[in-house]
């Protein structure tokens, strides 16, 4: 597992996303379990990012990273240091999008259908409550490619009602699209099994949900959407 080496820059966001260098010299975005909804948010983001990445969609890859419990203070405020202390152990590392800037509001009307379908599919499958009209969480990189980001606020693993929904939330900017917009390659049991196998057991323990339960929920979600 990668290990945190050095902090560089803190970005805006409730999860305190932070640019860091890992023990291998790679720059990534760190998200820590010591803030927000804790480890369950990191588990959400890992599974959503990983499945989309493996499907070839424009979503940054994610992995896990270790923070030593004696990591020295070297960055930020006392509040940040408190979050760092509470985050000792396993956390989330997301691939850096080079030159990332927020997509301008007037550009959403010109997004290609395939990209919109991928956004719809990812957010419908996991029931994302955080891609609202006011915060669509899309970035453009240095060469103009658009990326789908921020998947920590997903209800699939915490709401039975969400698992039985075939509609996006009303505040989603794609609300009202039909389920035919769904890209059905996400309904891949084998792919999800492999992703779950790659997650350290401690992540499930800290998230308060078992790997068996996550597998059960995903399988049920696939079966539900296959019928739509």
Protein backbone atom coordinates (compact mmCIF):
# COMPACT_ATOMS: atom_id res chain seq x y z
CA UNK A 1 0.00 0.00 0.00
CA UNK A 2 1.20 3.53 -0.76
CA UNK A 3 2.22 5.73 2.17
CA UNK A 4 1.82 9.47 2.65
CA UNK A 5 5.13 11.30 2.25
CA UNK A 6 4.50 15.04 1.90
CA UNK A 7 1.62 17.54 1.75
CA UNK A 8 1.50 20.21 -0.97
CA UNK A 9 -1.86 21.96 -1.31
CA UNK A 10 -5.30 21.91 0.33
CA UNK A 11 -8.31 22.26 -1.98
CA UNK A 12 -11.84 23.46 -1.22
CA UNK A 13 -14.23 20.75 -0.02
CA UNK A 14 -15.79 19.25 3.10
CA UNK A 15 -13.58 16.16 2.73
CA UNK A 16 -10.41 18.32 2.82
CA UNK A 17 -9.02 17.00 -0.50
CA UNK A 18 -5.28 17.56 -0.40
CA UNK A 19 -2.51 17.28 -2.98
CA UNK A 20 0.25 15.06 -1.62
CA UNK A 21 3.28 13.08 -2.69
CA UNK A 22 3.28 9.37 -1.86
CA UNK A 23 6.21 7.25 -0.75
CA UNK A 24 6.81 6.36 -4.42
CA UNK A 25 7.02 10.01 -5.49
CA UNK A 26 3.60 10.02 -7.18
CA UNK A 27 1.33 13.04 -6.70
CA UNK A 28 -2.28 12.16 -5.80
CA UNK A 29 -5.30 13.68 -4.11
CA UNK A 30 -5.67 12.46 -0.52
CA UNK A 31 -9.09 12.12 1.10
CA UNK A 32 -9.01 11.35 4.81
CA UNK A 33 -11.39 9.32 6.95
CA UNK A 34 -10.98 11.78 9.82
CA UNK A 35 -13.46 14.23 8.29
CA UNK A 36 -16.95 14.18 6.78
CA UNK A 37 -18.76 10.85 6.99
CA UNK A 38 -15.59 8.90 7.73
CA UNK A 39 -14.50 5.65 6.13
CA UNK A 40 -17.89 4.85 4.55
CA UNK A 41 -17.45 7.92 2.33
CA UNK A 42 -14.02 6.66 1.22
CA UNK A 43 -15.44 3.20 0.55
CA UNK A 44 -18.19 4.75 -1.58
CA UNK A 45 -15.71 6.76 -3.59
CA UNK A 46 -13.31 3.87 -4.09
CA UNK A 47 -15.95 1.49 -5.45
CA UNK A 48 -17.59 4.08 -7.72
CA UNK A 49 -14.30 5.44 -9.07
CA UNK A 50 -12.79 2.02 -9.53
CA UNK A 51 -15.69 0.49 -11.47
CA UNK A 52 -15.97 3.55 -13.73
CA UNK A 53 -12.22 3.62 -14.32
CA UNK A 54 -12.15 -0.07 -15.23
CA UNK A 55 -15.03 0.51 -17.66
CA UNK A 56 -12.88 3.13 -19.38
CA UNK A 57 -15.00 6.09 -18.32
CA UNK A 58 -13.42 9.50 -17.53
CA UNK A 59 -13.27 9.00 -13.77
CA UNK A 60 -9.91 9.13 -11.95
CA UNK A 61 -8.61 5.85 -10.58
CA UNK A 62 -8.56 5.38 -6.81
CA UNK A 63 -6.54 3.33 -4.36
CA UNK A 64 -5.73 3.17 -0.68
CA UNK A 65 -2.92 4.93 1.11
CA UNK A 66 -1.49 4.59 4.61
CA UNK A 67 -0.92 7.45 7.05
CA UNK A 68 1.45 6.67 9.92
CA UNK A 69 0.03 7.35 13.37
CA UNK A 70 3.18 9.37 14.13
CA UNK A 71 3.17 11.41 10.93
CA UNK A 72 4.70 14.78 11.88
CA UNK A 73 2.81 18.06 11.62
CA UNK A 74 4.04 19.74 8.43
CA UNK A 75 1.06 21.46 6.84
CA UNK A 76 -2.12 23.45 7.43
CA UNK A 77 -3.94 24.53 10.56
CA UNK A 78 -4.54 22.92 13.93
CA UNK A 79 -7.92 21.75 12.58
CA UNK A 80 -6.20 20.04 9.68
CA UNK A 81 -3.67 18.43 12.00
CA UNK A 82 -6.52 17.12 14.17
CA UNK A 83 -8.11 15.51 11.08
CA UNK A 84 -4.75 14.03 10.13
CA UNK A 85 -4.35 12.53 13.60
CA UNK A 86 -7.83 10.96 13.41
CA UNK A 87 -6.97 9.57 9.97
CA UNK A 88 -4.04 7.37 10.98
CA UNK A 89 -4.19 4.11 9.04
CA UNK A 90 -5.91 3.51 5.71
CA UNK A 91 -7.23 6.41 3.63
CA UNK A 92 -8.07 7.12 -0.01
CA UNK A 93 -5.77 8.28 -2.82
CA UNK A 94 -7.28 9.51 -6.08
CA UNK A 95 -5.28 10.07 -9.25
CA UNK A 96 -4.44 13.72 -9.87
CA UNK A 97 -6.14 15.36 -12.86
CA UNK A 98 -3.44 17.59 -14.33
CA UNK A 99 -4.47 21.22 -14.75
CA UNK A 100 -8.02 20.57 -13.51
CA UNK A 101 -10.54 23.42 -13.58
CA UNK A 102 -14.28 23.40 -12.89
CA UNK A 103 -16.44 23.16 -15.98
CA UNK A 104 -18.27 26.43 -16.64
CA UNK A 105 -22.05 26.37 -16.21
CA UNK A 106 -22.70 27.38 -19.81
CA UNK A 107 -20.81 24.32 -21.07
CA UNK A 108 -23.24 21.73 -19.70
CA UNK A 109 -25.66 22.20 -22.58
CA UNK A 110 -22.98 21.05 -25.03
CA UNK A 111 -21.79 17.91 -23.22
CA UNK A 112 -21.70 14.83 -25.48
CA UNK A 113 -24.45 12.22 -25.09
CA UNK A 114 -22.03 9.43 -24.19
CA UNK A 115 -20.57 11.43 -21.30
CA UNK A 116 -24.04 12.37 -20.05
CA UNK A 117 -25.03 8.71 -20.18
CA UNK A 118 -21.97 7.74 -18.12
CA UNK A 119 -22.78 10.39 -15.50
CA UNK A 120 -26.40 9.24 -15.41
CA UNK A 121 -25.42 5.58 -15.09
CA UNK A 122 -22.86 6.07 -12.33
CA UNK A 123 -25.10 8.35 -10.28
CA UNK A 124 -28.20 6.22 -10.75
CA UNK A 125 -26.45 2.97 -9.85
CA UNK A 126 -24.92 4.34 -6.64
CA UNK A 127 -27.65 6.95 -5.93
CA UNK A 128 -25.39 10.00 -5.80
CA UNK A 129 -26.97 12.89 -3.89
CA UNK A 130 -24.13 15.33 -4.56
CA UNK A 131 -24.28 16.10 -8.30
CA UNK A 132 -26.88 18.83 -8.03
CA UNK A 133 -27.76 21.70 -10.34
CA UNK A 134 -25.49 23.93 -8.28
CA UNK A 135 -22.52 21.51 -7.91
CA UNK A 136 -22.17 19.16 -10.84
CA UNK A 137 -18.61 18.05 -10.01
CA UNK A 138 -17.16 17.96 -13.50
CA UNK A 139 -13.59 19.04 -14.26
CA UNK A 140 -11.66 19.85 -17.43
CA UNK A 141 -7.99 18.82 -17.55
CA UNK A 142 -5.03 20.54 -19.19
CA UNK A 143 -5.74 19.00 -22.60
CA UNK A 144 -9.50 19.65 -22.54
CA UNK A 145 -10.79 16.24 -21.40
CA UNK A 146 -13.80 16.33 -19.06
CA UNK A 147 -13.69 14.21 -15.89
CA UNK A 148 -16.46 13.02 -13.55
CA UNK A 149 -15.40 13.46 -9.90
CA UNK A 150 -16.54 13.39 -6.25
CA UNK A 151 -18.35 10.18 -5.34
CA UNK A 152 -18.28 10.22 -1.55
CA UNK A 153 -21.98 11.03 -1.05
CA UNK A 154 -23.67 7.86 -2.29
CA UNK A 155 -26.75 6.34 -0.66
CA UNK A 156 -26.63 2.83 -2.12
CA UNK A 157 -24.94 1.24 0.88
CA UNK A 158 -26.98 3.08 3.51
CA UNK A 159 -30.56 3.24 2.23
CA UNK A 160 -32.86 0.38 1.25
CA UNK A 161 -35.14 2.89 -0.41
CA UNK A 162 -32.27 4.14 -2.60
CA UNK A 163 -31.44 0.59 -3.66
CA UNK A 164 -34.97 0.24 -5.07
CA UNK A 165 -35.05 3.51 -6.99
CA UNK A 166 -34.87 3.82 -10.78
CA UNK A 167 -34.80 7.62 -10.74
CA UNK A 168 -32.11 10.15 -9.92
CA UNK A 169 -32.75 12.62 -7.13
CA UNK A 170 -34.87 15.62 -8.13
CA UNK A 171 -31.99 18.07 -7.66
CA UNK A 172 -29.73 16.14 -10.08
CA UNK A 173 -29.07 18.00 -13.30
CA UNK A 174 -30.08 14.89 -15.30
CA UNK A 175 -33.26 14.22 -13.33
CA UNK A 176 -36.08 13.02 -15.57
CA UNK A 177 -33.98 11.00 -17.99
CA UNK A 178 -35.37 7.54 -18.74
CA UNK A 179 -33.61 4.38 -17.59
CA UNK A 180 -32.87 3.62 -21.24
CA UNK A 181 -30.05 6.17 -20.76
CA UNK A 182 -28.35 3.53 -18.58
CA UNK A 183 -25.06 2.12 -19.89
CA UNK A 184 -25.60 -1.51 -18.99
CA UNK A 185 -21.95 -2.54 -18.92
CA UNK A 186 -21.95 -1.36 -15.30
CA UNK A 187 -24.24 -4.32 -14.48
CA UNK A 188 -21.20 -6.60 -14.24
CA UNK A 189 -21.15 -8.90 -11.22
CA UNK A 190 -17.65 -10.24 -11.93
CA UNK A 191 -16.16 -6.75 -12.12
CA UNK A 192 -17.64 -5.76 -8.77
CA UNK A 193 -16.47 -9.02 -7.16
CA UNK A 194 -12.90 -8.27 -8.23
CA UNK A 195 -13.13 -4.72 -6.90
CA UNK A 196 -14.42 -5.90 -3.52
CA UNK A 197 -11.59 -8.44 -3.28
CA UNK A 198 -9.06 -5.60 -3.64
CA UNK A 199 -10.34 -3.67 -0.62
CA UNK A 200 -8.45 -4.16 2.67
CA UNK A 201 -10.68 -5.90 5.27
CA UNK A 202 -10.13 -3.07 7.73
CA UNK A 203 -11.93 -0.65 5.40
CA UNK A 204 -15.18 -2.60 5.81
CA UNK A 205 -14.72 -2.84 9.57
CA UNK A 206 -14.20 0.93 9.89
CA UNK A 207 -17.12 1.59 7.53
CA UNK A 208 -19.47 -0.43 9.73
CA UNK A 209 -20.55 -2.70 6.88
CA UNK A 210 -19.36 -6.18 5.94
CA UNK A 211 -18.00 -7.15 2.54
CA UNK A 212 -20.78 -9.75 2.35
CA UNK A 213 -23.41 -7.05 2.84
CA UNK A 214 -21.83 -4.78 0.22
CA UNK A 215 -21.78 -7.69 -2.22
CA UNK A 216 -25.42 -8.44 -1.43
CA UNK A 217 -26.44 -4.81 -2.02
CA UNK A 218 -24.54 -4.57 -5.32
CA UNK A 219 -25.97 -7.87 -6.56
CA UNK A 220 -29.47 -6.73 -5.66
CA UNK A 221 -28.91 -3.39 -7.38
CA UNK A 222 -27.75 -5.12 -10.57
CA UNK A 223 -30.77 -7.45 -10.56
CA UNK A 224 -33.14 -4.52 -9.97
CA UNK A 225 -31.71 -2.44 -12.83
CA UNK A 226 -31.51 -5.41 -15.21
CA UNK A 227 -35.31 -5.47 -15.12
CA UNK A 228 -35.64 -1.80 -16.06
